[in-house]
Protein backbone atom coordinates (compact mmCIF):
# COMPACT_ATOMS: atom_id res chain seq x y z
CA MET A 1 156.05 109.57 259.58
CA LEU A 2 153.57 111.68 261.84
CA ASN A 3 155.27 112.19 265.21
CA ARG A 4 153.72 111.36 268.41
CA PRO A 5 152.86 114.70 269.56
CA PHE A 6 151.03 115.45 266.41
CA VAL A 7 149.05 112.20 266.56
CA ARG A 8 148.23 112.84 270.17
CA SER A 9 146.86 116.31 269.44
CA ALA A 10 144.52 114.94 266.49
CA THR A 11 143.42 112.22 268.75
CA LEU A 12 142.43 114.48 271.72
CA ALA A 13 140.93 117.00 268.71
CA ALA A 14 138.77 114.71 267.09
CA PRO A 15 135.98 114.33 269.60
CA LEU A 16 135.66 118.37 269.74
CA LEU A 17 135.65 118.43 266.03
CA ALA A 18 132.74 116.05 265.98
CA ALA A 19 130.78 117.81 268.46
CA LEU A 20 131.16 120.97 266.54
CA LEU A 21 130.13 119.57 263.71
CA LEU A 22 126.87 118.03 265.04
CA ALA A 23 126.09 121.53 266.56
CA GLY A 24 126.61 123.26 263.15
CA CYS A 25 124.17 120.67 261.28
CA ALA A 26 121.44 120.66 264.04
CA SER A 27 120.76 124.31 263.27
CA THR A 28 119.62 123.94 259.82
CA GLU A 29 116.22 121.97 260.94
CA GLY A 30 112.87 123.22 259.60
CA ILE A 31 114.12 125.57 257.05
CA ALA A 32 113.38 124.47 253.38
CA PRO A 33 111.48 125.43 250.24
CA THR A 34 107.71 124.58 250.18
CA ALA A 35 106.49 125.14 246.89
CA GLN A 36 106.00 122.37 244.24
CA LEU A 37 106.41 122.50 240.48
CA THR A 38 103.35 122.44 238.27
CA ARG A 39 103.34 119.66 235.85
CA PRO A 40 102.12 119.89 232.17
CA GLN A 41 99.38 117.63 232.66
CA GLN A 42 97.83 119.64 235.15
CA LEU A 43 97.29 122.04 232.82
CA GLY A 44 95.77 119.67 230.03
CA LEU A 45 98.81 119.78 227.86
CA GLN A 46 98.84 116.73 225.64
CA PRO A 47 101.79 114.22 224.50
CA VAL A 48 101.05 114.77 220.82
CA GLN A 49 103.37 115.64 218.09
CA THR A 50 102.76 119.14 216.74
CA ALA A 51 104.65 121.06 213.94
CA PHE A 52 106.04 124.11 215.61
CA PRO A 53 107.37 127.24 213.89
CA LYS A 54 110.77 127.11 212.55
CA THR A 55 113.54 129.26 213.63
CA ASP A 56 113.12 131.82 210.89
CA TRP A 57 109.23 131.47 210.68
CA TRP A 58 108.98 134.91 209.07
CA ALA A 59 110.63 133.51 206.06
CA ASP A 60 107.11 131.67 205.22
CA PHE A 61 105.68 135.29 204.35
CA HIS A 62 107.93 135.28 201.45
CA ASP A 63 108.70 138.94 201.61
CA PRO A 64 112.20 140.11 201.41
CA GLU A 65 111.59 143.46 202.93
CA LEU A 66 110.30 141.52 206.20
CA ASP A 67 113.06 139.56 206.11
CA ARG A 68 115.53 142.51 205.94
CA LEU A 69 113.68 144.39 208.74
CA ILE A 70 113.84 141.53 211.26
CA ALA A 71 117.48 140.47 210.52
CA THR A 72 118.53 144.61 211.16
CA ALA A 73 116.32 144.34 214.24
CA LEU A 74 118.18 141.11 215.54
CA ALA A 75 121.35 142.94 214.91
CA ASP A 76 120.90 146.49 216.09
CA ASN A 77 118.14 146.69 218.45
CA PRO A 78 119.10 148.12 221.77
CA SER A 79 116.66 146.39 224.04
CA LEU A 80 118.32 143.05 222.55
CA GLN A 81 121.85 144.05 223.27
CA VAL A 82 120.79 144.73 226.98
CA ALA A 83 119.70 141.03 227.19
CA GLN A 84 123.15 139.88 225.48
CA ALA A 85 125.09 141.98 227.94
CA ARG A 86 123.03 140.44 230.92
CA LEU A 87 123.90 137.01 229.46
CA GLU A 88 127.49 137.97 229.27
CA GLN A 89 127.26 139.27 232.80
CA ALA A 90 125.97 135.66 233.90
CA ARG A 91 128.56 134.17 232.28
CA ALA A 92 131.31 136.09 234.16
CA GLN A 93 129.80 135.18 237.23
CA VAL A 94 130.04 131.48 236.37
CA GLN A 95 133.62 131.89 236.06
CA GLY A 96 133.92 133.76 239.05
CA ALA A 97 132.29 131.10 241.12
CA GLY A 98 134.07 128.35 239.51
CA SER A 99 137.19 130.19 240.63
CA ALA A 100 136.57 129.25 244.32
CA LEU A 101 136.98 125.57 243.34
CA LYS A 102 140.45 126.07 242.37
CA PRO A 103 144.00 126.44 243.97
CA LYS A 104 145.26 130.16 244.33
CA LEU A 105 148.64 131.35 244.15
CA GLY A 106 149.87 134.79 244.70
CA ALA A 107 153.12 136.70 245.52
CA ALA A 108 153.75 138.93 248.04
CA VAL A 109 156.88 141.39 248.57
CA SER A 110 157.07 144.02 251.60
CA SER A 111 159.75 145.97 253.35
CA THR A 112 158.85 147.33 256.51
CA ARG A 113 161.03 149.73 258.69
CA GLN A 114 159.92 149.30 262.21
CA GLN A 115 161.11 149.57 265.75
CA PHE A 116 160.94 146.12 267.75
CA SER A 117 159.58 145.90 271.26
CA ASN A 118 161.72 145.07 274.40
CA ASN A 119 158.83 142.99 275.90
CA TYR A 120 158.27 140.75 272.80
CA ILE A 121 159.86 137.80 271.10
CA TYR A 122 162.60 140.12 269.54
CA GLY A 123 165.22 139.77 272.48
CA PRO A 124 168.34 141.73 272.05
CA TYR A 125 166.71 143.13 268.93
CA GLY A 126 164.39 145.36 271.12
CA SER A 127 164.42 149.08 270.98
CA ASN A 128 166.00 148.96 267.60
CA TRP A 129 164.88 150.04 264.15
CA TYR A 130 165.14 147.30 261.32
CA TYR A 131 164.07 146.73 258.05
CA ASP A 132 161.65 143.73 257.90
CA ASN A 133 161.88 142.24 254.55
CA SER A 134 159.84 139.22 253.10
CA ALA A 135 159.17 137.81 249.63
CA LEU A 136 156.83 134.88 249.58
CA LEU A 137 154.64 132.74 247.15
CA GLN A 138 151.42 132.11 248.98
CA GLY A 139 149.11 129.18 248.05
CA SER A 140 145.66 128.25 249.35
CA TRP A 141 143.20 125.68 248.27
CA GLU A 142 139.59 125.45 249.87
CA LEU A 143 138.71 121.59 249.75
CA ASP A 144 134.85 122.16 249.87
CA PHE A 145 134.11 119.06 251.73
CA PHE A 146 130.60 119.88 252.05
CA GLY A 147 130.00 121.53 248.48
CA LYS A 148 129.05 124.89 249.37
CA ASN A 149 131.39 126.13 246.42
CA ARG A 150 129.96 123.52 244.26
CA GLN A 151 126.62 124.40 244.86
CA THR A 152 127.08 128.25 244.56
CA LEU A 153 128.88 127.27 240.96
CA GLN A 154 125.53 125.36 239.96
CA ALA A 155 123.64 128.27 241.09
CA ALA A 156 125.51 130.76 238.84
CA ILE A 157 125.45 128.26 236.13
CA GLY A 158 121.54 127.99 236.48
CA GLU A 159 121.35 131.66 236.22
CA ALA A 160 123.60 131.72 233.27
CA HIS A 161 121.25 129.26 231.55
CA ALA A 162 118.10 131.31 232.46
CA ALA A 163 119.66 134.48 231.08
CA ALA A 164 120.58 132.76 227.78
CA ALA A 165 116.93 131.67 227.62
CA GLN A 166 115.84 135.07 228.34
CA GLU A 167 118.20 136.60 225.59
CA GLN A 168 116.40 134.06 223.31
CA ALA A 169 112.88 135.15 224.59
CA ALA A 170 113.77 138.78 223.76
CA ARG A 171 114.85 137.57 220.25
CA VAL A 172 111.62 136.12 219.60
CA LEU A 173 109.70 138.93 221.10
CA LEU A 174 111.49 141.29 218.79
CA ALA A 175 111.12 139.34 215.75
CA SER A 176 107.38 139.08 216.42
CA ASN A 177 106.98 142.64 217.19
CA VAL A 178 108.58 143.52 213.87
CA ALA A 179 106.38 141.30 212.08
CA SER A 180 103.18 142.49 213.70
CA ALA A 181 104.22 146.32 213.19
CA TYR A 182 105.01 145.29 209.34
CA VAL A 183 101.40 143.24 209.11
CA ASN A 184 99.88 146.63 210.64
CA LEU A 185 101.61 148.93 208.28
CA ALA A 186 100.36 146.86 205.37
CA ARG A 187 96.85 146.94 206.83
CA LEU A 188 96.76 150.59 206.93
CA ILE A 189 98.03 151.15 203.37
CA ALA A 190 95.45 148.67 202.20
CA ILE A 191 92.64 150.48 204.05
CA GLN A 192 94.13 154.02 202.42
CA ASN A 193 93.71 152.52 199.03
CA VAL A 194 90.16 151.69 199.90
CA LEU A 195 89.27 154.92 201.36
CA GLN A 196 90.74 156.54 198.24
CA GLN A 197 88.27 154.42 196.19
CA THR A 198 85.85 155.37 198.52
CA LEU A 199 86.62 159.05 198.36
CA GLN A 200 86.16 158.76 194.54
CA GLN A 201 82.95 157.00 194.51
CA ARG A 202 81.36 159.30 197.20
CA GLU A 203 82.58 162.64 195.37
CA HIS A 204 80.92 160.79 191.98
CA MET A 205 77.76 160.00 194.11
CA LEU A 206 77.41 163.68 195.41
CA LYS A 207 77.92 165.00 191.86
CA LEU A 208 74.96 163.00 190.72
CA VAL A 209 72.55 163.88 193.92
CA GLN A 210 73.41 167.41 193.19
CA ASP A 211 72.38 167.19 189.37
CA ARG A 212 69.14 165.29 190.49
CA VAL A 213 68.49 168.28 192.97
CA ARG A 214 68.83 170.81 190.30
CA ALA A 215 66.61 168.62 188.12
CA GLY A 216 64.01 168.35 190.87
CA LEU A 217 64.55 164.84 191.23
CA GLU A 218 66.08 164.91 194.66
CA THR A 219 65.18 166.94 197.83
CA THR A 220 68.35 168.86 199.48
CA VAL A 221 68.31 166.49 202.17
CA GLN A 222 69.75 163.99 200.35
CA GLU A 223 72.34 166.53 198.94
CA LYS A 224 73.22 167.47 202.69
CA GLN A 225 73.87 163.82 203.33
CA ALA A 226 76.16 163.45 200.40
CA LEU A 227 77.66 166.69 201.37
CA ALA A 228 78.54 165.22 204.67
CA GLU A 229 80.17 161.90 203.56
CA VAL A 230 83.05 163.62 201.64
CA PRO A 231 84.81 165.41 204.41
CA GLN A 232 84.26 162.40 206.89
CA ILE A 233 86.20 160.31 204.20
CA ARG A 234 88.65 162.85 203.77
CA LEU A 235 89.05 163.26 207.55
CA GLN A 236 89.61 159.22 207.73
CA LEU A 237 92.32 159.56 205.11
CA ASP A 238 94.04 161.86 207.05
CA GLN A 239 94.14 159.96 210.10
CA THR A 240 95.21 156.95 208.19
CA ALA A 241 98.05 158.94 206.81
CA VAL A 242 99.15 160.01 210.15
CA GLN A 243 98.99 156.28 211.07
CA ILE A 244 100.96 155.06 208.32
CA THR A 245 103.77 157.50 209.45
CA GLN A 246 103.68 156.18 212.98
CA ALA A 247 103.88 152.52 211.79
CA ARG A 248 106.80 153.52 209.88
CA ASN A 249 108.55 155.07 212.62
CA LEU A 250 107.60 152.13 214.89
CA LEU A 251 109.39 149.74 212.64
CA ALA A 252 112.53 152.11 212.38
CA ALA A 253 112.66 152.14 216.07
CA LEU A 254 112.31 148.24 216.50
CA THR A 255 115.29 147.98 213.82
CA GLY A 256 117.40 150.39 215.64
CA GLN A 257 117.25 153.11 212.63
CA GLY A 258 116.00 156.33 212.03
CA PRO A 259 112.86 157.32 210.50
CA GLN A 260 114.06 157.93 207.31
CA ALA A 261 115.17 154.37 207.09
CA THR A 262 111.36 153.21 206.50
CA ALA A 263 109.92 156.26 205.34
CA THR A 264 109.06 154.91 201.97
CA LEU A 265 108.12 151.18 203.07
CA ALA A 266 104.85 150.31 201.51
CA PRO A 267 104.18 146.27 201.95
CA GLN A 268 101.10 145.07 200.34
CA LEU A 269 98.85 142.91 202.54
CA SER A 270 97.35 141.04 199.85
CA ALA A 271 100.97 139.36 198.98
CA LEU A 272 101.31 138.24 202.65
CA PRO A 273 100.01 134.72 203.01
CA THR A 274 98.55 133.16 206.39
CA MET A 275 100.05 130.13 207.90
CA ASN A 276 98.99 126.77 208.94
CA LEU A 277 99.71 126.46 212.42
CA PRO A 278 98.91 124.00 215.37
CA ASP A 279 95.50 123.74 216.72
CA THR A 280 96.38 121.91 219.98
CA LEU A 281 98.17 122.27 223.44
CA PRO A 282 101.07 120.25 222.92
CA ALA A 283 103.10 119.18 226.37
CA SER A 284 106.43 120.08 224.27
CA LEU A 285 105.36 123.36 224.68
CA ILE A 286 107.30 124.03 227.91
CA GLY A 287 110.54 123.31 226.07
CA ARG A 288 109.62 125.57 222.98
CA ARG A 289 108.98 129.12 225.21
CA ALA A 290 111.98 130.43 225.90
CA ASP A 291 110.14 132.27 229.23
CA ILE A 292 109.30 128.83 230.56
CA VAL A 293 112.87 127.43 230.04
CA ALA A 294 114.32 130.52 231.75
CA ALA A 295 111.81 130.29 234.74
CA ARG A 296 112.75 126.69 234.97
CA TRP A 297 116.63 127.54 235.17
CA GLN A 298 115.74 130.11 237.67
CA VAL A 299 114.18 127.18 239.91
CA GLU A 300 117.35 125.29 239.23
CA ALA A 301 119.49 128.11 240.39
CA ALA A 302 117.42 128.97 243.36
CA LEU A 303 117.45 125.35 244.66
CA HIS A 304 121.42 125.12 244.63
CA GLY A 305 121.31 128.54 246.16
CA VAL A 306 119.45 126.74 249.22
CA LYS A 307 122.02 123.94 249.07
CA ALA A 308 124.96 126.54 249.06
CA ALA A 309 123.27 128.09 252.07
CA ARG A 310 122.81 125.03 254.12
CA ALA A 311 126.45 124.18 253.26
CA ALA A 312 127.39 127.25 254.92
CA PHE A 313 126.58 126.01 258.28
CA TYR A 314 129.27 123.44 257.94
CA PRO A 315 133.17 124.03 258.27
CA ASP A 316 135.54 125.20 255.57
CA VAL A 317 138.67 123.60 255.51
CA ASN A 318 141.39 125.15 253.45
CA LEU A 319 145.15 124.04 252.68
CA THR A 320 147.64 127.10 252.84
CA ALA A 321 151.13 127.01 251.97
CA PHE A 322 154.16 129.52 251.53
CA ALA A 323 157.52 129.56 250.46
CA GLY A 324 160.06 132.48 250.07
CA PHE A 325 162.82 134.58 251.98
CA SER A 326 162.49 136.39 255.07
CA ALA A 327 165.13 138.48 256.84
CA LEU A 328 165.92 141.56 258.91
CA GLY A 329 167.89 144.09 256.88
CA PHE A 330 168.77 143.70 253.26
CA SER A 331 172.38 142.12 253.48
CA GLN A 332 170.93 138.44 253.63
CA TRP A 333 167.64 138.89 252.37
CA LEU A 334 167.79 136.62 249.35
CA THR A 335 170.57 134.04 250.74
CA GLY A 336 169.91 130.72 251.19
CA GLY A 337 169.84 131.17 254.90
CA SER A 338 166.57 133.53 254.94
CA GLN A 339 164.58 130.70 253.10
CA THR A 340 161.36 130.10 254.78
CA LEU A 341 158.62 127.58 254.09
CA GLY A 342 155.29 126.52 255.58
CA VAL A 343 152.20 124.26 254.88
CA GLY A 344 149.23 123.34 256.88
CA PRO A 345 145.39 123.03 257.06
CA ALA A 346 143.10 125.74 258.51
CA LEU A 347 139.51 125.00 259.43
CA THR A 348 136.89 127.49 260.28
CA LEU A 349 133.38 126.49 261.90
CA PRO A 350 130.48 128.69 262.57
CA ILE A 351 129.36 128.13 266.06
CA PHE A 352 127.18 131.53 266.94
CA GLU A 353 126.34 133.65 264.08
CA GLY A 354 123.58 135.75 265.90
CA GLY A 355 120.95 134.05 263.51
CA ALA A 356 122.70 135.07 260.34
CA LEU A 357 123.29 131.61 258.95
CA ARG A 358 119.56 130.62 259.61
CA ALA A 359 118.31 134.20 258.03
CA GLN A 360 120.39 133.42 255.11
CA LEU A 361 118.96 130.04 254.60
CA ARG A 362 115.38 131.25 255.16
CA GLY A 363 116.09 133.80 252.52
CA LYS A 364 117.07 131.54 250.04
CA SER A 365 114.32 129.05 250.74
CA ALA A 366 111.73 131.89 250.09
CA GLN A 367 113.60 132.60 246.95
CA ALA A 368 113.48 129.02 245.96
CA ASP A 369 109.64 129.19 246.63
CA ALA A 370 109.30 132.56 244.65
CA ALA A 371 111.12 131.07 241.64
CA ILE A 372 108.74 127.91 241.59
CA ALA A 373 105.85 130.29 241.89
CA GLN A 374 107.04 132.50 239.24
CA TYR A 375 107.79 129.08 236.75
CA ASN A 376 104.16 127.84 237.57
CA GLY A 377 102.65 131.37 236.54
CA THR A 378 104.64 131.67 233.57
CA LEU A 379 103.66 127.88 232.61
CA VAL A 380 99.85 128.97 233.12
CA ASP A 381 100.07 132.13 231.26
CA ALA A 382 101.88 130.22 228.50
CA VAL A 383 99.07 127.77 228.28
CA HIS A 384 96.43 130.65 228.49
CA GLU A 385 98.22 132.64 225.42
CA VAL A 386 98.26 129.87 223.28
CA ALA A 387 94.68 128.51 224.08
CA ASP A 388 93.55 132.05 223.25
CA ALA A 389 95.64 132.44 220.18
CA ILE A 390 94.40 129.19 218.73
CA ALA A 391 90.71 130.24 219.44
CA ALA A 392 91.32 133.71 217.83
CA ARG A 393 93.03 132.11 214.90
CA GLN A 394 90.01 129.53 214.53
CA SER A 395 87.42 132.28 214.85
CA ILE A 396 89.00 134.77 212.67
CA GLY A 397 89.13 131.99 209.73
CA GLN A 398 85.29 131.59 210.00
CA GLN A 399 84.99 135.32 209.91
CA ILE A 400 87.11 135.59 206.87
CA ALA A 401 84.90 132.95 205.19
CA GLN A 402 81.74 134.72 206.10
CA GLN A 403 83.09 138.13 205.16
CA GLN A 404 83.90 136.49 201.74
CA GLN A 405 80.60 135.19 201.03
CA ALA A 406 78.91 138.66 201.80
CA LEU A 407 81.48 140.25 199.65
CA ASP A 408 80.75 137.84 196.73
CA ALA A 409 76.89 138.43 197.37
CA ALA A 410 77.64 142.39 197.34
CA GLN A 411 79.55 142.15 193.84
CA ASP A 412 76.85 140.04 192.18
CA ALA A 413 74.27 142.57 193.30
CA LEU A 414 76.74 145.20 191.90
CA ARG A 415 77.08 143.37 188.59
CA LEU A 416 73.37 143.17 188.41
CA VAL A 417 72.70 146.71 189.19
CA ASP A 418 75.30 147.78 186.55
CA GLN A 419 73.55 145.57 183.81
CA ARG A 420 70.10 147.09 184.70
CA TYR A 421 71.69 150.63 184.43
CA LYS A 422 73.28 150.19 181.28
CA ALA A 423 69.94 148.62 180.00
CA GLY A 424 68.36 151.80 181.15
CA LEU A 425 66.26 149.94 183.91
CA SER A 426 68.07 151.74 186.84
CA ASN A 427 69.85 155.07 187.70
CA TYR A 428 73.45 155.46 188.27
CA LEU A 429 72.68 156.48 192.05
CA THR A 430 71.42 152.98 192.59
CA VAL A 431 74.81 151.73 191.34
CA LEU A 432 77.08 153.87 193.54
CA THR A 433 74.77 152.98 196.49
CA VAL A 434 75.33 149.25 195.99
CA GLN A 435 79.29 149.99 195.17
CA SER A 436 79.40 151.65 198.70
CA SER A 437 78.25 148.31 200.25
CA VAL A 438 81.05 146.58 198.32
CA LEU A 439 83.78 149.01 199.39
CA LYS A 440 82.46 148.87 203.00
CA LEU A 441 82.97 145.00 202.78
CA GLN A 442 86.38 145.28 201.10
CA GLN A 443 87.72 147.41 204.13
CA ALA A 444 86.32 144.91 206.34
CA GLY A 445 88.10 142.02 204.18
CA VAL A 446 91.27 144.26 204.74
CA ASP A 447 90.73 144.36 208.35
CA LEU A 448 89.99 140.41 208.71
CA LYS A 449 93.03 139.67 206.73
CA ALA A 450 95.38 141.75 208.90
CA GLN A 451 93.90 140.37 211.80
CA ALA A 452 94.55 136.87 210.66
CA LEU A 453 98.06 137.56 210.08
CA ALA A 454 98.37 139.50 213.32
CA ASP A 455 96.81 136.09 214.91
CA ASP A 456 99.17 133.97 213.11
CA VAL A 457 102.16 136.02 214.46
CA ALA A 458 100.73 135.84 218.14
CA LEU A 459 100.36 131.96 217.71
CA ILE A 460 103.96 131.48 216.72
CA ARG A 461 105.20 134.02 219.44
CA ALA A 462 103.07 131.83 221.92
CA LEU A 463 104.38 128.53 220.70
CA GLY A 464 107.60 129.79 221.25
CA GLY A 465 108.85 131.38 217.99
CA GLY A 466 111.04 128.80 216.73
CA TYR A 467 113.11 128.37 219.92
CA ASN A 468 114.81 124.98 220.62
CA ALA A 469 115.65 124.55 224.07
CA PRO A 470 118.88 123.06 225.14
CA LYS A 471 118.60 119.75 227.45
CA MET A 472 116.98 120.72 230.92
CA PRO A 473 117.73 118.91 233.76
CA GLU A 474 114.71 116.65 235.06
CA GLN A 475 112.27 118.30 237.48
CA ALA A 476 113.69 118.37 240.85
CA PRO A 477 111.44 118.15 243.90
CA ALA A 478 110.82 121.43 245.26
CA LYS A 479 112.51 120.75 248.63
CA SER A 480 116.08 121.03 248.75
CA SER A 481 118.15 118.45 250.95
């Protein structure tokens, strides 16, 4: 049963405590986030069902070498390892924030030799030297009545979820970069093959022109033109060879390996199929883009940070307790008569902080506004990126069809000219001239096929690259209560 003095003291303290609480609460007025989250419908996203890329989307290229390169990159790339380390750091911060909600227990042992004062509570011990010894178990528990620690924990959890999504975004970006570099290497090798055919054709053409000049059937002007084309093609071959080496080196770097690991890599462009990808802007995009998910978790974390800063205006209530032994000297230190126990609450209320708490709340509110603006910008950029990727992919399909028509017509012309040459109705120089057109169109076809594959990869990346987001919280209002 509580004694009367304790009850009387508590009764007298209650009005004062209530007044202090009201004083602390009033100082948060007028400070809150003001930004609003953009909703998918505002950007024209449609609630339609769309087939998104699967997690291992690169397997649809049916290229074991590409599969191996991406697997190596996801295992060994230093940039991805940085993102993974940040995720572990965020998880550690969650554990640290969660510890504030749990009771704490510690031990303290001390032995201090000191001279006691004549004018304090020590009485006959004054002016004498003694060992002041203690051995205590000390416990405390912050009750968190106003949720400051809980909100801090939720903010840390939000940051950890954001870090996890950012790590996934890094994986998507890395896989798409490897695929793009692989496609580019295949394009350069295909161009090199066309240039080698073109060089042989130009050298053959030069020989025929020189023969005709010697026979008086051509002027030296045609010979000079033919002579100029051969070194030009050789220059393009040399430049392409350098680009091929650089493309291989890039793939080695992306996979965290030395240049020797990809020195003989020679993918075939013709063996890589194009993909059938979505041609709409689905609303579910926001759950398939890891960067959007990360930005959304940043908003959640920032809003919980605002609530934690607001809760800092209210009192902290702690329960503390200790038990152990305390004595002067060593002879009776650990005996029953030296036992000491204590338990009680402690209340701390900020009354005047010189504006520090308001500044902290204002800063957290601005941080929440920035996080919301970042989310809105990320969502707008994602929609823009997907729209551009879809438009590019649709356009390149039309260009490939037109190029194929032109190539078919040129090849038909080459067959007709070749038949006329074999029948003695045309000279071989005409055949080579038409063949030059075919080779140019073949090179254009290589570029368009490579661009189509690059656009496929870009659209896959824009659509989230196979990322499946965990369940997100409902969109909270921007203003924190």
